[in-house]
PDB file of N, CA and C in Angstrom:
ATOM      1  N   MET A   1      42.045  29.595 -33.852  1.00  0.00           N
ATOM      2  CA  MET A   1      41.597  29.190 -32.306  1.00  0.00           C
ATOM      3  C   MET A   1      43.065  29.097 -31.504  1.00  0.00           C
ATOM      4  N   ALA A   2      42.919  29.255 -30.346  1.00  0.00           N
ATOM      5  CA  ALA A   2      44.046  28.966 -29.337  1.00  0.00           C
ATOM      6  C   ALA A   2      44.154  28.018 -28.789  1.00  0.00           C
ATOM      7  N   THR A   3      45.056  27.401 -28.642  1.00  0.00           N
ATOM      8  CA  THR A   3      45.596  26.351 -27.498  1.00  0.00           C
ATOM      9  C   THR A   3      46.059  26.029 -26.742  1.00  0.00           C
ATOM     10  N   GLU A   4      45.746  25.381 -25.710  1.00  0.00           N
ATOM     11  CA  GLU A   4      46.540  25.458 -24.387  1.00  0.00           C
ATOM     12  C   GLU A   4      46.898  24.434 -23.472  1.00  0.00           C
ATOM     13  N   THR A   5      48.086  24.042 -23.062  1.00  0.00           N
ATOM     14  CA  THR A   5      48.533  22.897 -22.597  1.00  0.00           C
ATOM     15  C   THR A   5      48.188  22.970 -21.027  1.00  0.00           C
ATOM     16  N   ILE A   6      47.549  21.574 -20.268  1.00  0.00           N
ATOM     17  CA  ILE A   6      47.390  21.836 -19.508  1.00  0.00           C
ATOM     18  C   ILE A   6      48.373  20.583 -18.753  1.00  0.00           C
ATOM     19  N   CYS A   7      48.839  21.237 -17.477  1.00  0.00           N
ATOM     20  CA  CYS A   7      49.970  20.251 -17.094  1.00  0.00           C
ATOM     21  C   CYS A   7      49.824  19.978 -15.414  1.00  0.00           C
ATOM     22  N   SER A   8      50.122  19.323 -15.034  1.00  0.00           N
ATOM     23  CA  SER A   8      49.956  18.580 -13.745  1.00  0.00           C
ATOM     24  C   SER A   8      50.774  19.358 -12.369  1.00  0.00           C
ATOM     25  N   GLU A   9      49.646  19.664 -11.281  1.00  0.00           N
ATOM     26  CA  GLU A   9      50.498  20.365 -10.421  1.00  0.00           C
ATOM     27  C   GLU A   9      51.180  19.416  -9.328  1.00  0.00           C
ATOM     28  N   VAL A  10      51.068  18.027  -9.560  1.00  0.00           N
ATOM     29  CA  VAL A  10      51.585  17.262  -8.473  1.00  0.00           C
ATOM     30  C   VAL A  10      52.297  16.218  -9.241  1.00  0.00           C
ATOM     31  N   THR A  11      53.294  15.611  -8.313  1.00  0.00           N
ATOM     32  CA  THR A  11      53.755  14.414  -8.800  1.00  0.00           C
ATOM     33  C   THR A  11      52.995  13.065  -8.368  1.00  0.00           C
ATOM     34  N   GLY A  12      52.775  11.873  -9.115  1.00  0.00           N
ATOM     35  CA  GLY A  12      51.806  11.255  -8.625  1.00  0.00           C
ATOM     36  C   GLY A  12      51.714   9.973  -9.835  1.00  0.00           C
ATOM     37  N   SER A  13      50.520   9.793 -10.108  1.00  0.00           N
ATOM     38  CA  SER A  13      49.887   8.953 -11.553  1.00  0.00           C
ATOM     39  C   SER A  13      48.502   9.312 -11.957  1.00  0.00           C
ATOM     40  N   VAL A  14      48.768   8.974 -13.419  1.00  0.00           N
ATOM     41  CA  VAL A  14      47.170   9.053 -13.685  1.00  0.00           C
ATOM     42  C   VAL A  14      46.323   7.981 -13.409  1.00  0.00           C
ATOM     43  N   TRP A  15      45.375   8.263 -12.443  1.00  0.00           N
ATOM     44  CA  TRP A  15      44.256   7.398 -12.108  1.00  0.00           C
ATOM     45  C   TRP A  15      43.332   7.290 -13.040  1.00  0.00           C
ATOM     46  N   LYS A  16      42.648   8.068 -13.830  1.00  0.00           N
ATOM     47  CA  LYS A  16      41.398   7.956 -14.276  1.00  0.00           C
ATOM     48  C   LYS A  16      41.401   9.335 -15.481  1.00  0.00           C
ATOM     49  N   ILE A  17      41.277   8.895 -16.780  1.00  0.00           N
ATOM     50  CA  ILE A  17      41.052   9.660 -17.626  1.00  0.00           C
ATOM     51  C   ILE A  17      39.764  10.054 -18.128  1.00  0.00           C
ATOM     52  N   GLU A  18      39.046  11.171 -17.863  1.00  0.00           N
ATOM     53  CA  GLU A  18      37.448  11.066 -18.010  1.00  0.00           C
ATOM     54  C   GLU A  18      36.824  11.737 -19.303  1.00  0.00           C
ATOM     55  N   VAL A  19      37.644  12.115 -19.977  1.00  0.00           N
ATOM     56  CA  VAL A  19      37.220  12.481 -21.468  1.00  0.00           C
ATOM     57  C   VAL A  19      38.271  12.320 -22.631  1.00  0.00           C
ATOM     58  N   ALA A  20      37.536  12.016 -23.857  1.00  0.00           N
ATOM     59  CA  ALA A  20      38.301  11.545 -24.811  1.00  0.00           C
ATOM     60  C   ALA A  20      38.485  12.742 -25.823  1.00  0.00           C
ATOM     61  N   ILE A  21      39.575  12.164 -26.669  1.00  0.00           N
ATOM     62  CA  ILE A  21      39.872  13.240 -27.769  1.00  0.00           C
ATOM     63  C   ILE A  21      38.944  13.733 -28.698  1.00  0.00           C
ATOM     64  N   GLY A  22      38.354  15.055 -28.654  1.00  0.00           N
ATOM     65  CA  GLY A  22      37.764  15.492 -29.597  1.00  0.00           C
ATOM     66  C   GLY A  22      36.348  16.055 -28.320  1.00  0.00           C
ATOM     67  N   ALA A  23      36.430  15.608 -27.242  1.00  0.00           N
ATOM     68  CA  ALA A  23      35.458  15.965 -26.225  1.00  0.00           C
ATOM     69  C   ALA A  23      35.025  17.452 -26.199  1.00  0.00           C
ATOM     70  N   ASP A  24      34.034  18.172 -26.495  1.00  0.00           N
ATOM     71  CA  ASP A  24      34.001  19.320 -25.802  1.00  0.00           C
ATOM     72  C   ASP A  24      33.719  19.233 -24.080  1.00  0.00           C
ATOM     73  N   VAL A  25      34.543  20.428 -23.761  1.00  0.00           N
ATOM     74  CA  VAL A  25      34.506  20.510 -22.352  1.00  0.00           C
ATOM     75  C   VAL A  25      34.136  22.135 -21.903  1.00  0.00           C
ATOM     76  N   GLU A  26      34.035  21.901 -20.782  1.00  0.00           N
ATOM     77  CA  GLU A  26      33.220  23.359 -20.117  1.00  0.00           C
ATOM     78  C   GLU A  26      34.353  23.850 -18.953  1.00  0.00           C
ATOM     79  N   ALA A  27      34.576  25.223 -18.675  1.00  0.00           N
ATOM     80  CA  ALA A  27      35.572  25.691 -17.966  1.00  0.00           C
ATOM     81  C   ALA A  27      35.496  24.691 -16.616  1.00  0.00           C
ATOM     82  N   ASP A  28      36.079  24.496 -15.538  1.00  0.00           N
ATOM     83  CA  ASP A  28      36.315  24.054 -14.764  1.00  0.00           C
ATOM     84  C   ASP A  28      35.718  22.365 -14.710  1.00  0.00           C
ATOM     85  N   GLN A  29      35.537  22.124 -15.760  1.00  0.00           N
ATOM     86  CA  GLN A  29      35.323  20.540 -15.594  1.00  0.00           C
ATOM     87  C   GLN A  29      36.131  19.519 -15.680  1.00  0.00           C
ATOM     88  N   SER A  30      36.278  18.627 -14.872  1.00  0.00           N
ATOM     89  CA  SER A  30      37.182  17.512 -14.586  1.00  0.00           C
ATOM     90  C   SER A  30      37.563  16.584 -16.056  1.00  0.00           C
ATOM     91  N   ILE A  31      38.970  17.055 -16.229  1.00  0.00           N
ATOM     92  CA  ILE A  31      39.406  15.981 -17.453  1.00  0.00           C
ATOM     93  C   ILE A  31      39.757  14.737 -17.269  1.00  0.00           C
ATOM     94  N   MET A  32      40.296  14.472 -15.795  1.00  0.00           N
ATOM     95  CA  MET A  32      41.319  13.574 -15.335  1.00  0.00           C
ATOM     96  C   MET A  32      41.251  13.535 -14.227  1.00  0.00           C
ATOM     97  N   VAL A  33      42.088  12.532 -13.627  1.00  0.00           N
ATOM     98  CA  VAL A  33      41.749  12.227 -11.836  1.00  0.00           C
ATOM     99  C   VAL A  33      43.338  11.639 -11.424  1.00  0.00           C
ATOM    100  N   LEU A  34      44.127  12.541 -10.803  1.00  0.00           N
ATOM    101  CA  LEU A  34      45.372  12.146 -10.765  1.00  0.00           C
ATOM    102  C   LEU A  34      45.550  11.448  -9.429  1.00  0.00           C
ATOM    103  N   GLU A  35      46.390  10.560  -8.949  1.00  0.00           N
ATOM    104  CA  GLU A  35      46.544  10.199  -7.901  1.00  0.00           C
ATOM    105  C   GLU A  35      48.156  10.086  -7.221  1.00  0.00           C
ATOM    106  N   SER A  36      47.836  10.544  -5.931  1.00  0.00           N
ATOM    107  CA  SER A  36      49.435  11.341  -5.385  1.00  0.00           C
ATOM    108  C   SER A  36      49.235  11.217  -3.784  1.00  0.00           C
ATOM    109  N   MET A  37      49.947  10.155  -3.093  1.00  0.00           N
ATOM    110  CA  MET A  37      50.060  10.172  -1.542  1.00  0.00           C
ATOM    111  C   MET A  37      48.385   9.717  -1.397  1.00  0.00           C
ATOM    112  N   LYS A  38      48.249   8.625  -1.861  1.00  0.00           N
ATOM    113  CA  LYS A  38      46.689   8.399  -1.688  1.00  0.00           C
ATOM    114  C   LYS A  38      45.475   9.342  -1.594  1.00  0.00           C
ATOM    115  N   MET A  39      45.838  10.564  -2.265  1.00  0.00           N
ATOM    116  CA  MET A  39      44.891  11.255  -2.360  1.00  0.00           C
ATOM    117  C   MET A  39      44.066  11.435  -4.249  1.00  0.00           C
ATOM    118  N   GLU A  40      43.072  11.322  -4.564  1.00  0.00           N
ATOM    119  CA  GLU A  40      42.401  12.090  -5.782  1.00  0.00           C
ATOM    120  C   GLU A  40      42.327  13.333  -5.995  1.00  0.00           C
ATOM    121  N   ILE A  41      43.320  13.812  -7.050  1.00  0.00           N
ATOM    122  CA  ILE A  41      43.076  15.279  -7.185  1.00  0.00           C
ATOM    123  C   ILE A  41      42.758  15.424  -8.542  1.00  0.00           C
ATOM    124  N   PRO A  42      41.564  16.184  -8.846  1.00  0.00           N
ATOM    125  CA  PRO A  42      41.042  16.299 -10.155  1.00  0.00           C
ATOM    126  C   PRO A  42      42.116  17.458 -11.356  1.00  0.00           C
ATOM    127  N   VAL A  43      41.719  17.232 -12.125  1.00  0.00           N
ATOM    128  CA  VAL A  43      42.721  18.105 -13.253  1.00  0.00           C
ATOM    129  C   VAL A  43      41.251  18.501 -13.913  1.00  0.00           C
ATOM    130  N   LEU A  44      41.355  20.117 -13.966  1.00  0.00           N
ATOM    131  CA  LEU A  44      40.134  20.803 -14.366  1.00  0.00           C
ATOM    132  C   LEU A  44      40.718  21.560 -15.479  1.00  0.00           C
ATOM    133  N   ALA A  45      39.494  21.446 -16.618  1.00  0.00           N
ATOM    134  CA  ALA A  45      39.768  22.224 -17.699  1.00  0.00           C
ATOM    135  C   ALA A  45      39.739  23.910 -17.259  1.00  0.00           C
ATOM    136  N   PRO A  46      40.907  24.580 -17.668  1.00  0.00           N
ATOM    137  CA  PRO A  46      41.372  25.976 -17.414  1.00  0.00           C
ATOM    138  C   PRO A  46      40.082  26.918 -18.117  1.00  0.00           C
ATOM    139  N   ASP A  47      39.397  26.694 -19.202  1.00  0.00           N
ATOM    140  CA  ASP A  47      38.191  27.279 -19.930  1.00  0.00           C
ATOM    141  C   ASP A  47      37.701  25.915 -20.574  1.00  0.00           C
ATOM    142  N   GLY A  48      36.661  27.066 -21.398  1.00  0.00           N
ATOM    143  CA  GLY A  48      35.751  25.897 -22.256  1.00  0.00           C
ATOM    144  C   GLY A  48      36.575  25.591 -23.642  1.00  0.00           C
ATOM    145  N   GLY A  49      36.209  24.386 -24.246  1.00  0.00           N
ATOM    146  CA  GLY A  49      36.833  24.048 -25.432  1.00  0.00           C
ATOM    147  C   GLY A  49      36.940  22.681 -26.016  1.00  0.00           C
ATOM    148  N   ARG A  50      37.589  22.296 -26.659  1.00  0.00           N
ATOM    149  CA  ARG A  50      37.712  20.882 -27.386  1.00  0.00           C
ATOM    150  C   ARG A  50      39.269  20.340 -26.747  1.00  0.00           C
ATOM    151  N   ILE A  51      39.044  19.047 -26.604  1.00  0.00           N
ATOM    152  CA  ILE A  51      40.152  18.252 -26.254  1.00  0.00           C
ATOM    153  C   ILE A  51      40.664  17.926 -27.264  1.00  0.00           C
ATOM    154  N   VAL A  52      42.158  18.429 -27.867  1.00  0.00           N
ATOM    155  CA  VAL A  52      42.661  18.083 -28.965  1.00  0.00           C
ATOM    156  C   VAL A  52      43.683  16.788 -28.898  1.00  0.00           C
ATOM    157  N   LYS A  53      44.448  16.845 -27.600  1.00  0.00           N
ATOM    158  CA  LYS A  53      44.952  15.686 -27.363  1.00  0.00           C
ATOM    159  C   LYS A  53      45.447  15.276 -25.933  1.00  0.00           C
ATOM    160  N   ILE A  54      45.675  14.269 -25.766  1.00  0.00           N
ATOM    161  CA  ILE A  54      45.841  13.810 -24.132  1.00  0.00           C
ATOM    162  C   ILE A  54      47.158  13.130 -24.323  1.00  0.00           C
ATOM    163  N   LEU A  55      48.202  13.580 -23.854  1.00  0.00           N
ATOM    164  CA  LEU A  55      49.432  12.976 -23.836  1.00  0.00           C
ATOM    165  C   LEU A  55      49.867  12.285 -22.682  1.00  0.00           C
ATOM    166  N   VAL A  56      49.050  11.598 -21.838  1.00  0.00           N
ATOM    167  CA  VAL A  56      49.219  10.891 -20.695  1.00  0.00           C
ATOM    168  C   VAL A  56      48.302   9.825 -21.074  1.00  0.00           C
ATOM    169  N   THR A  57      48.427   8.332 -20.670  1.00  0.00           N
ATOM    170  CA  THR A  57      47.684   7.174 -20.284  1.00  0.00           C
ATOM    171  C   THR A  57      47.246   6.994 -18.716  1.00  0.00           C
ATOM    172  N   GLU A  58      46.420   5.971 -18.747  1.00  0.00           N
ATOM    173  CA  GLU A  58      45.918   5.512 -17.260  1.00  0.00           C
ATOM    174  C   GLU A  58      47.092   4.423 -16.454  1.00  0.00           C
ATOM    175  N   GLY A  59      47.292   4.831 -15.449  1.00  0.00           N
ATOM    176  CA  GLY A  59      48.640   4.313 -14.632  1.00  0.00           C
ATOM    177  C   GLY A  59      49.772   4.739 -14.877  1.00  0.00           C
ATOM    178  N   GLN A  60      50.034   5.589 -15.902  1.00  0.00           N
ATOM    179  CA  GLN A  60      51.308   6.583 -16.034  1.00  0.00           C
ATOM    180  C   GLN A  60      51.613   7.206 -15.058  1.00  0.00           C
ATOM    181  N   ALA A  61      53.090   7.198 -14.670  1.00  0.00           N
ATOM    182  CA  ALA A  61      53.462   7.928 -13.780  1.00  0.00           C
ATOM    183  C   ALA A  61      53.532   9.577 -13.986  1.00  0.00           C
ATOM    184  N   ILE A  62      53.708  10.336 -12.975  1.00  0.00           N
ATOM    185  CA  ILE A  62      53.764  11.520 -13.908  1.00  0.00           C
ATOM    186  C   ILE A  62      54.768  12.638 -12.676  1.00  0.00           C
ATOM    187  N   LYS A  63      55.075  13.562 -13.197  1.00  0.00           N
ATOM    188  CA  LYS A  63      55.831  14.389 -12.639  1.00  0.00           C
ATOM    189  C   LYS A  63      55.263  15.923 -12.665  1.00  0.00           C
ATOM    190  N   GLU A  64      55.265  16.565 -11.656  1.00  0.00           N
ATOM    191  CA  GLU A  64      55.017  17.783 -11.328  1.00  0.00           C
ATOM    192  C   GLU A  64      55.477  19.079 -12.355  1.00  0.00           C
ATOM    193  N   GLY A  65      54.385  19.804 -12.987  1.00  0.00           N
ATOM    194  CA  GLY A  65      54.619  20.631 -14.533  1.00  0.00           C
ATOM    195  C   GLY A  65      54.674  19.772 -15.590  1.00  0.00           C
ATOM    196  N   GLN A  66      54.306  18.246 -15.308  1.00  0.00           N
ATOM    197  CA  GLN A  66      54.221  17.725 -16.596  1.00  0.00           C
ATOM    198  C   GLN A  66      53.083  17.771 -17.750  1.00  0.00           C
ATOM    199  N   GLU A  67      53.265  17.894 -18.779  1.00  0.00           N
ATOM    200  CA  GLU A  67      51.871  18.322 -19.359  1.00  0.00           C
ATOM    201  C   GLU A  67      51.247  17.371 -19.992  1.00  0.00           C
ATOM    202  N   LEU A  68      49.935  16.990 -19.737  1.00  0.00           N
ATOM    203  CA  LEU A  68      48.507  16.184 -19.589  1.00  0.00           C
ATOM    204  C   LEU A  68      47.772  16.146 -20.879  1.00  0.00           C
ATOM    205  N   ALA A  69      47.491  17.296 -21.410  1.00  0.00           N
ATOM    206  CA  ALA A  69      46.676  17.337 -22.319  1.00  0.00           C
ATOM    207  C   ALA A  69      46.368  18.705 -23.062  1.00  0.00           C
ATOM    208  N   ILE A  70      46.128  18.788 -23.974  1.00  0.00           N
ATOM    209  CA  ILE A  70      45.823  20.389 -24.954  1.00  0.00           C
ATOM    210  C   ILE A  70      44.790  20.506 -25.386  1.00  0.00           C
ATOM    211  N   ILE A  71      44.075  21.599 -24.984  1.00  0.00           N
ATOM    212  CA  ILE A  71      42.747  22.075 -25.298  1.00  0.00           C
ATOM    213  C   ILE A  71      42.756  23.263 -26.337  1.00  0.00           C
ATOM    214  N   GLU A  72      41.342  23.059 -26.735  1.00  0.00           N
ATOM    215  CA  GLU A  72      41.436  24.553 -28.060  1.00  0.00           C
ATOM    216  C   GLU A  72      40.251  25.044 -27.725  1.00  0.00           C
ATOM    217  N   SER A  73      40.375  26.337 -27.764  1.00  0.00           N
ATOM    218  CA  SER A  73      39.545  27.278 -27.674  1.00  0.00           C
ATOM    219  C   SER A  73      38.971  28.040 -28.546  1.00  0.00           C
TER     220      SER A  73
END
């Protein structure tokens, strides 16, 4: 099975994590919500698969390009 790392497209903070490790997700499903400049930005699963690792916690400050989660398809 192939794994893919999901990275942040913005600098901000993790507002809410919407899935747990081991959860099955569909393509374009929101896995977490980031907050940047008082805007909520959903992080979407690029493909369907299973979340194998979440690399951040709610409230954590993040940088653009930072790894957020790993999905296995």
